[in-house]
Every structure is written in structure tokens, then in C-alpha cells.
Amino acid sequence: MKAVKDDLKDLPQTQLDTRAAKAKPVKMGWSTEEVERITAALNDLLANYSVHYQKLRNYHWNVKGPDFFDLHEQFELQYTESLQHIDDIAERIRIFSKTPVSTLQEYLEMSEIKETASNLSSELMVRELITDYTVLLNYMFTVVEVASEQHDAGTEEMVKKFINTIEKHHWMLSAFLAK
């Protein structure tokens, strides 16, 4: 039994006793350039998603006509979901110790998606959102491509889930317009 105790005396008692744990924390394995590529793509998506989110709220508040009840409810569901995606994207950027774009001015300057008026017909609102979803999908595909090239499975997996959702919204709104 004494030999076993002697063998254990040199083992660290906690993770903090190891040299690696005492060393300065190291980034997760990506180079500065790789982190820049990933976070730049995420910030582009974040800016576009943020303008899209505000459009959904605008349309939710201002939709009128015979489609009011259906669209009012759908717009709320979609902006609630968008808000969660926006938060996930921003937090993913923070994981890389970078700062997500976060002001309305930054969003509007960076975004390909543009604001619209509040007095659009319900049909024009839906057409605008279909266009937004096409733009968002293109930015999402770019993020997935960049993440894959950098071997960033976390970002890739997160955005692929967003893609499934956005494709479904695109289909449903397109079906809504079909007559």
C-alpha cells in the first residue's frame, strides 16, 4: 500500500496543479486570420439579420387587410425566432473574443437588406421577406463555407440549423403568394 501512496504523491490533485492549467489561456486553435474570416462572415450575417428582424417587427405592427390575422401571427413567430438567431450569432462572435456589430448605424451600413416603409400592402411585405430570406441564405451559405474551411464545426452546425428554418419560411411565404 505504501508503494501506491508514493506513486500518487507526484500526481496533481486538481486541474489547477497542472502546468497547462497554470499557463495563460490559449485560443481555441484558430489563427488570427482564421478568426477574422469567421467573425467577419458572422458579422455580415448579423447585420443583415438585424435589419430583417426590424422589418418583421414593422410588418407585424403594420399589416392590414384580409390577411391580417395570418400574417400578424406569422411575422411575430418569425421575428421571435430571428431574435434568437441574432443572439446566437453575436454570442458565437464573442466566443472568438471579437465584438459583434451592435448599433443600428452599423447594421444599416453593412446590410444588403434594406429598410422599407410601414405602409406596404401585405403582398409587398411578403415579397420583401422572401427577398430577405434569399439574401440571408446567401450570407448563411458563405458563413458555412468559411467555417468549413477553418474547421469550425460549431459555427457550421449552428448556421446549418438556421438554413433549414429560413428555407422553410421562404417556401411557406412563397406558397402564401401562390394563387
C-alpha atoms as a PDB file:
ATOM      1  CA  MET A   1       0.000   0.000   0.000  1.00  0.00           C
ATOM      2  CA  LYS A   2       2.917   2.318   0.731  1.00  0.00           C
ATOM      3  CA  ALA A   3       4.174   1.967  -2.881  1.00  0.00           C
ATOM      4  CA  VAL A   4       0.797   3.059  -4.240  1.00  0.00           C
ATOM      5  CA  LYS A   5       0.782   6.158  -1.998  1.00  0.00           C
ATOM      6  CA  ASP A   6       4.283   7.066  -3.168  1.00  0.00           C
ATOM      7  CA  ASP A   7       3.192   6.776  -6.803  1.00  0.00           C
ATOM      8  CA  LEU A   8       0.235   9.110  -6.176  1.00  0.00           C
ATOM      9  CA  LYS A   9       2.205  11.825  -4.409  1.00  0.00           C
ATOM     10  CA  ASP A  10       3.533  13.253  -7.712  1.00  0.00           C
ATOM     11  CA  LEU A  11       0.128  13.398  -9.393  1.00  0.00           C
ATOM     12  CA  PRO A  12      -1.652  16.753  -9.484  1.00  0.00           C
ATOM     13  CA  GLN A  13      -4.519  16.981  -7.004  1.00  0.00           C
ATOM     14  CA  THR A  14      -6.627  19.245  -9.234  1.00  0.00           C
ATOM     15  CA  GLN A  15      -6.548  20.590 -12.754  1.00  0.00           C
ATOM     16  CA  LEU A  16      -5.063  23.784 -11.344  1.00  0.00           C
ATOM     17  CA  ASP A  17      -1.990  21.850 -10.244  1.00  0.00           C
ATOM     18  CA  THR A  18      -1.016  21.064 -13.827  1.00  0.00           C
ATOM     19  CA  ARG A  19       1.384  23.233 -15.791  1.00  0.00           C
ATOM     20  CA  ALA A  20      -1.152  23.587 -18.613  1.00  0.00           C
ATOM     21  CA  ALA A  21      -3.822  24.866 -16.257  1.00  0.00           C
ATOM     22  CA  LYS A  22      -1.431  27.424 -14.767  1.00  0.00           C
ATOM     23  CA  ALA A  23      -0.420  28.734 -18.190  1.00  0.00           C
ATOM     24  CA  LYS A  24      -2.141  31.669 -19.864  1.00  0.00           C
ATOM     25  CA  PRO A  25      -5.374  30.531 -21.584  1.00  0.00           C
ATOM     26  CA  VAL A  26      -4.851  29.745 -25.242  1.00  0.00           C
ATOM     27  CA  LYS A  27      -7.287  30.493 -28.048  1.00  0.00           C
ATOM     28  CA  MET A  28      -9.271  27.557 -29.331  1.00  0.00           C
ATOM     29  CA  GLY A  29      -6.837  26.713 -32.101  1.00  0.00           C
ATOM     30  CA  TRP A  30      -7.626  29.165 -34.881  1.00  0.00           C
ATOM     31  CA  SER A  31      -5.081  31.652 -36.149  1.00  0.00           C
ATOM     32  CA  THR A  32      -5.790  35.375 -36.036  1.00  0.00           C
ATOM     33  CA  GLU A  33      -6.544  35.329 -39.770  1.00  0.00           C
ATOM     34  CA  GLU A  34      -8.938  32.390 -39.425  1.00  0.00           C
ATOM     35  CA  VAL A  35     -10.771  34.097 -36.567  1.00  0.00           C
ATOM     36  CA  GLU A  36     -11.031  37.280 -38.643  1.00  0.00           C
ATOM     37  CA  ARG A  37     -12.534  35.384 -41.584  1.00  0.00           C
ATOM     38  CA  ILE A  38     -15.068  33.572 -39.403  1.00  0.00           C
ATOM     39  CA  THR A  39     -16.133  36.622 -37.415  1.00  0.00           C
ATOM     40  CA  ALA A  40     -16.291  38.898 -40.468  1.00  0.00           C
ATOM     41  CA  ALA A  41     -18.686  36.453 -42.147  1.00  0.00           C
ATOM     42  CA  LEU A  42     -20.721  36.188 -38.946  1.00  0.00           C
ATOM     43  CA  ASN A  43     -20.881  39.983 -38.554  1.00  0.00           C
ATOM     44  CA  ASP A  44     -22.117  40.349 -42.144  1.00  0.00           C
ATOM     45  CA  LEU A  45     -24.854  37.823 -41.386  1.00  0.00           C
ATOM     46  CA  LEU A  46     -25.618  39.546 -38.082  1.00  0.00           C
ATOM     47  CA  ALA A  47     -26.065  42.961 -39.721  1.00  0.00           C
ATOM     48  CA  ASN A  48     -28.430  41.565 -42.366  1.00  0.00           C
ATOM     49  CA  TYR A  49     -30.374  39.519 -39.837  1.00  0.00           C
ATOM     50  CA  SER A  50     -30.793  42.569 -37.598  1.00  0.00           C
ATOM     51  CA  VAL A  51     -32.306  44.706 -40.367  1.00  0.00           C
ATOM     52  CA  HIS A  52     -34.525  41.778 -41.360  1.00  0.00           C
ATOM     53  CA  TYR A  53     -35.654  41.405 -37.742  1.00  0.00           C
ATOM     54  CA  GLN A  54     -36.716  45.044 -37.579  1.00  0.00           C
ATOM     55  CA  LYS A  55     -38.615  44.678 -40.862  1.00  0.00           C
ATOM     56  CA  LEU A  56     -40.509  41.731 -39.404  1.00  0.00           C
ATOM     57  CA  ARG A  57     -41.489  43.795 -36.375  1.00  0.00           C
ATOM     58  CA  ASN A  58     -42.504  46.701 -38.624  1.00  0.00           C
ATOM     59  CA  TYR A  59     -44.667  44.397 -40.724  1.00  0.00           C
ATOM     60  CA  HIS A  60     -46.129  42.675 -37.654  1.00  0.00           C
ATOM     61  CA  TRP A  61     -47.271  46.033 -36.274  1.00  0.00           C
ATOM     62  CA  ASN A  62     -48.490  47.473 -39.558  1.00  0.00           C
ATOM     63  CA  VAL A  63     -50.009  44.663 -41.627  1.00  0.00           C
ATOM     64  CA  LYS A  64     -53.629  45.326 -42.695  1.00  0.00           C
ATOM     65  CA  GLY A  65     -56.322  43.732 -44.740  1.00  0.00           C
ATOM     66  CA  PRO A  66     -57.892  40.313 -45.105  1.00  0.00           C
ATOM     67  CA  ASP A  67     -54.567  38.547 -44.375  1.00  0.00           C
ATOM     68  CA  PHE A  68     -54.076  40.443 -41.111  1.00  0.00           C
ATOM     69  CA  PHE A  69     -54.599  37.601 -38.646  1.00  0.00           C
ATOM     70  CA  ASP A  70     -52.481  35.049 -40.509  1.00  0.00           C
ATOM     71  CA  LEU A  71     -49.614  37.405 -41.275  1.00  0.00           C
ATOM     72  CA  HIS A  72     -49.642  39.220 -37.940  1.00  0.00           C
ATOM     73  CA  GLU A  73     -49.132  35.880 -36.184  1.00  0.00           C
ATOM     74  CA  GLN A  74     -46.540  34.611 -38.683  1.00  0.00           C
ATOM     75  CA  PHE A  75     -44.493  37.812 -38.519  1.00  0.00           C
ATOM     76  CA  GLU A  76     -44.394  37.572 -34.724  1.00  0.00           C
ATOM     77  CA  LEU A  77     -43.252  33.948 -34.833  1.00  0.00           C
ATOM     78  CA  GLN A  78     -40.578  34.829 -37.351  1.00  0.00           C
ATOM     79  CA  TYR A  79     -39.250  37.890 -35.539  1.00  0.00           C
ATOM     80  CA  THR A  80     -39.110  35.968 -32.251  1.00  0.00           C
ATOM     81  CA  GLU A  81     -37.104  33.247 -33.964  1.00  0.00           C
ATOM     82  CA  SER A  82     -34.894  35.833 -35.689  1.00  0.00           C
ATOM     83  CA  LEU A  83     -34.099  37.452 -32.372  1.00  0.00           C
ATOM     84  CA  GLN A  84     -32.840  34.116 -31.029  1.00  0.00           C
ATOM     85  CA  HIS A  85     -30.691  33.565 -34.134  1.00  0.00           C
ATOM     86  CA  ILE A  86     -29.265  37.079 -33.813  1.00  0.00           C
ATOM     87  CA  ASP A  87     -28.339  36.383 -30.190  1.00  0.00           C
ATOM     88  CA  ASP A  88     -26.737  33.058 -31.138  1.00  0.00           C
ATOM     89  CA  ILE A  89     -24.666  34.719 -33.873  1.00  0.00           C
ATOM     90  CA  ALA A  90     -23.494  37.527 -31.585  1.00  0.00           C
ATOM     91  CA  GLU A  91     -22.558  35.072 -28.851  1.00  0.00           C
ATOM     92  CA  ARG A  92     -20.673  32.935 -31.366  1.00  0.00           C
ATOM     93  CA  ILE A  93     -18.631  36.012 -32.319  1.00  0.00           C
ATOM     94  CA  ARG A  94     -17.911  36.596 -28.608  1.00  0.00           C
ATOM     95  CA  ILE A  95     -16.664  33.003 -28.329  1.00  0.00           C
ATOM     96  CA  PHE A  96     -13.825  34.127 -30.600  1.00  0.00           C
ATOM     97  CA  SER A  97     -13.181  37.133 -28.301  1.00  0.00           C
ATOM     98  CA  LYS A  98     -14.379  39.512 -31.002  1.00  0.00           C
ATOM     99  CA  THR A  99     -17.040  42.199 -30.812  1.00  0.00           C
ATOM    100  CA  PRO A 100     -20.272  41.720 -32.760  1.00  0.00           C
ATOM    101  CA  VAL A 101     -21.621  44.700 -34.660  1.00  0.00           C
ATOM    102  CA  SER A 102     -24.356  46.060 -32.481  1.00  0.00           C
ATOM    103  CA  THR A 103     -25.539  49.517 -33.465  1.00  0.00           C
ATOM    104  CA  LEU A 104     -28.341  50.398 -35.830  1.00  0.00           C
ATOM    105  CA  GLN A 105     -25.911  52.536 -37.821  1.00  0.00           C
ATOM    106  CA  GLU A 106     -23.548  49.582 -38.284  1.00  0.00           C
ATOM    107  CA  TYR A 107     -26.416  47.314 -39.287  1.00  0.00           C
ATOM    108  CA  LEU A 108     -27.732  49.748 -41.879  1.00  0.00           C
ATOM    109  CA  GLU A 109     -24.275  50.477 -43.311  1.00  0.00           C
ATOM    110  CA  MET A 110     -23.275  46.818 -43.583  1.00  0.00           C
ATOM    111  CA  SER A 111     -26.575  45.212 -44.544  1.00  0.00           C
ATOM    112  CA  GLU A 112     -27.580  44.289 -48.055  1.00  0.00           C
ATOM    113  CA  ILE A 113     -31.140  44.027 -46.709  1.00  0.00           C
ATOM    114  CA  LYS A 114     -32.723  47.479 -46.612  1.00  0.00           C
ATOM    115  CA  GLU A 115     -35.495  49.030 -44.580  1.00  0.00           C
ATOM    116  CA  THR A 116     -38.885  49.637 -46.152  1.00  0.00           C
ATOM    117  CA  ALA A 117     -41.868  51.808 -45.414  1.00  0.00           C
ATOM    118  CA  SER A 118     -44.519  50.809 -42.916  1.00  0.00           C
ATOM    119  CA  ASN A 119     -47.480  51.240 -45.241  1.00  0.00           C
ATOM    120  CA  LEU A 120     -46.841  48.394 -47.694  1.00  0.00           C
ATOM    121  CA  SER A 121     -49.599  46.048 -48.765  1.00  0.00           C
ATOM    122  CA  SER A 122     -49.492  42.619 -47.178  1.00  0.00           C
ATOM    123  CA  GLU A 123     -48.443  41.154 -50.517  1.00  0.00           C
ATOM    124  CA  LEU A 124     -45.484  43.535 -50.795  1.00  0.00           C
ATOM    125  CA  MET A 125     -44.483  42.759 -47.207  1.00  0.00           C
ATOM    126  CA  VAL A 126     -44.389  39.052 -48.022  1.00  0.00           C
ATOM    127  CA  ARG A 127     -42.441  39.677 -51.240  1.00  0.00           C
ATOM    128  CA  GLU A 128     -39.919  41.772 -49.280  1.00  0.00           C
ATOM    129  CA  LEU A 129     -39.474  38.992 -46.747  1.00  0.00           C
ATOM    130  CA  ILE A 130     -38.975  36.373 -49.465  1.00  0.00           C
ATOM    131  CA  THR A 131     -36.228  38.593 -50.900  1.00  0.00           C
ATOM    132  CA  ASP A 132     -34.722  38.986 -47.414  1.00  0.00           C
ATOM    133  CA  TYR A 133     -34.690  35.224 -46.946  1.00  0.00           C
ATOM    134  CA  THR A 134     -32.835  34.793 -50.233  1.00  0.00           C
ATOM    135  CA  VAL A 135     -30.226  37.339 -49.092  1.00  0.00           C
ATOM    136  CA  LEU A 136     -29.941  35.740 -45.648  1.00  0.00           C
ATOM    137  CA  LEU A 137     -29.482  32.295 -47.183  1.00  0.00           C
ATOM    138  CA  ASN A 138     -26.625  33.582 -49.338  1.00  0.00           C
ATOM    139  CA  TYR A 139     -24.884  35.016 -46.257  1.00  0.00           C
ATOM    140  CA  MET A 140     -25.520  31.790 -44.367  1.00  0.00           C
ATOM    141  CA  PHE A 141     -24.006  29.720 -47.175  1.00  0.00           C
ATOM    142  CA  THR A 142     -20.938  31.981 -47.038  1.00  0.00           C
ATOM    143  CA  VAL A 143     -20.627  31.511 -43.261  1.00  0.00           C
ATOM    144  CA  VAL A 144     -20.905  27.728 -43.644  1.00  0.00           C
ATOM    145  CA  GLU A 145     -18.251  27.749 -46.355  1.00  0.00           C
ATOM    146  CA  VAL A 146     -15.852  29.903 -44.319  1.00  0.00           C
ATOM    147  CA  ALA A 147     -16.480  27.876 -41.164  1.00  0.00           C
ATOM    148  CA  SER A 148     -15.884  24.621 -43.019  1.00  0.00           C
ATOM    149  CA  GLU A 149     -12.613  25.918 -44.482  1.00  0.00           C
ATOM    150  CA  GLN A 150     -11.464  26.874 -40.959  1.00  0.00           C
ATOM    151  CA  HIS A 151     -12.631  23.564 -39.458  1.00  0.00           C
ATOM    152  CA  ASP A 152     -15.087  25.462 -37.254  1.00  0.00           C
ATOM    153  CA  ALA A 153     -17.747  22.816 -36.697  1.00  0.00           C
ATOM    154  CA  GLY A 154     -19.597  24.877 -34.059  1.00  0.00           C
ATOM    155  CA  THR A 155     -20.334  27.789 -36.364  1.00  0.00           C
ATOM    156  CA  GLU A 156     -21.065  25.487 -39.281  1.00  0.00           C
ATOM    157  CA  GLU A 157     -23.583  23.417 -37.295  1.00  0.00           C
ATOM    158  CA  MET A 158     -25.311  26.490 -35.834  1.00  0.00           C
ATOM    159  CA  VAL A 159     -25.799  28.181 -39.205  1.00  0.00           C
ATOM    160  CA  LYS A 160     -26.914  24.994 -40.957  1.00  0.00           C
ATOM    161  CA  LYS A 161     -29.803  24.826 -38.477  1.00  0.00           C
ATOM    162  CA  PHE A 162     -30.683  28.418 -39.375  1.00  0.00           C
ATOM    163  CA  ILE A 163     -30.634  27.482 -43.069  1.00  0.00           C
ATOM    164  CA  ASN A 164     -33.254  24.770 -42.559  1.00  0.00           C
ATOM    165  CA  THR A 165     -35.543  27.244 -40.823  1.00  0.00           C
ATOM    166  CA  ILE A 166     -35.063  30.038 -43.362  1.00  0.00           C
ATOM    167  CA  GLU A 167     -35.652  27.698 -46.300  1.00  0.00           C
ATOM    168  CA  LYS A 168     -38.949  26.663 -44.705  1.00  0.00           C
ATOM    169  CA  HIS A 169     -40.010  30.310 -44.210  1.00  0.00           C
ATOM    170  CA  HIS A 170     -39.107  31.057 -47.829  1.00  0.00           C
ATOM    171  CA  TRP A 171     -41.222  28.134 -49.019  1.00  0.00           C
ATOM    172  CA  MET A 172     -44.206  28.992 -46.820  1.00  0.00           C
ATOM    173  CA  LEU A 173     -44.269  32.667 -47.784  1.00  0.00           C
ATOM    174  CA  SER A 174     -43.859  31.714 -51.458  1.00  0.00           C
ATOM    175  CA  ALA A 175     -46.810  29.312 -51.102  1.00  0.00           C
ATOM    176  CA  PHE A 176     -48.816  32.099 -49.461  1.00  0.00           C
ATOM    177  CA  LEU A 177     -48.382  34.211 -52.607  1.00  0.00           C
ATOM    178  CA  ALA A 178     -49.284  31.374 -54.985  1.00  0.00           C
ATOM    179  CA  LYS A 179     -52.759  31.803 -56.381  1.00  0.00           C
END
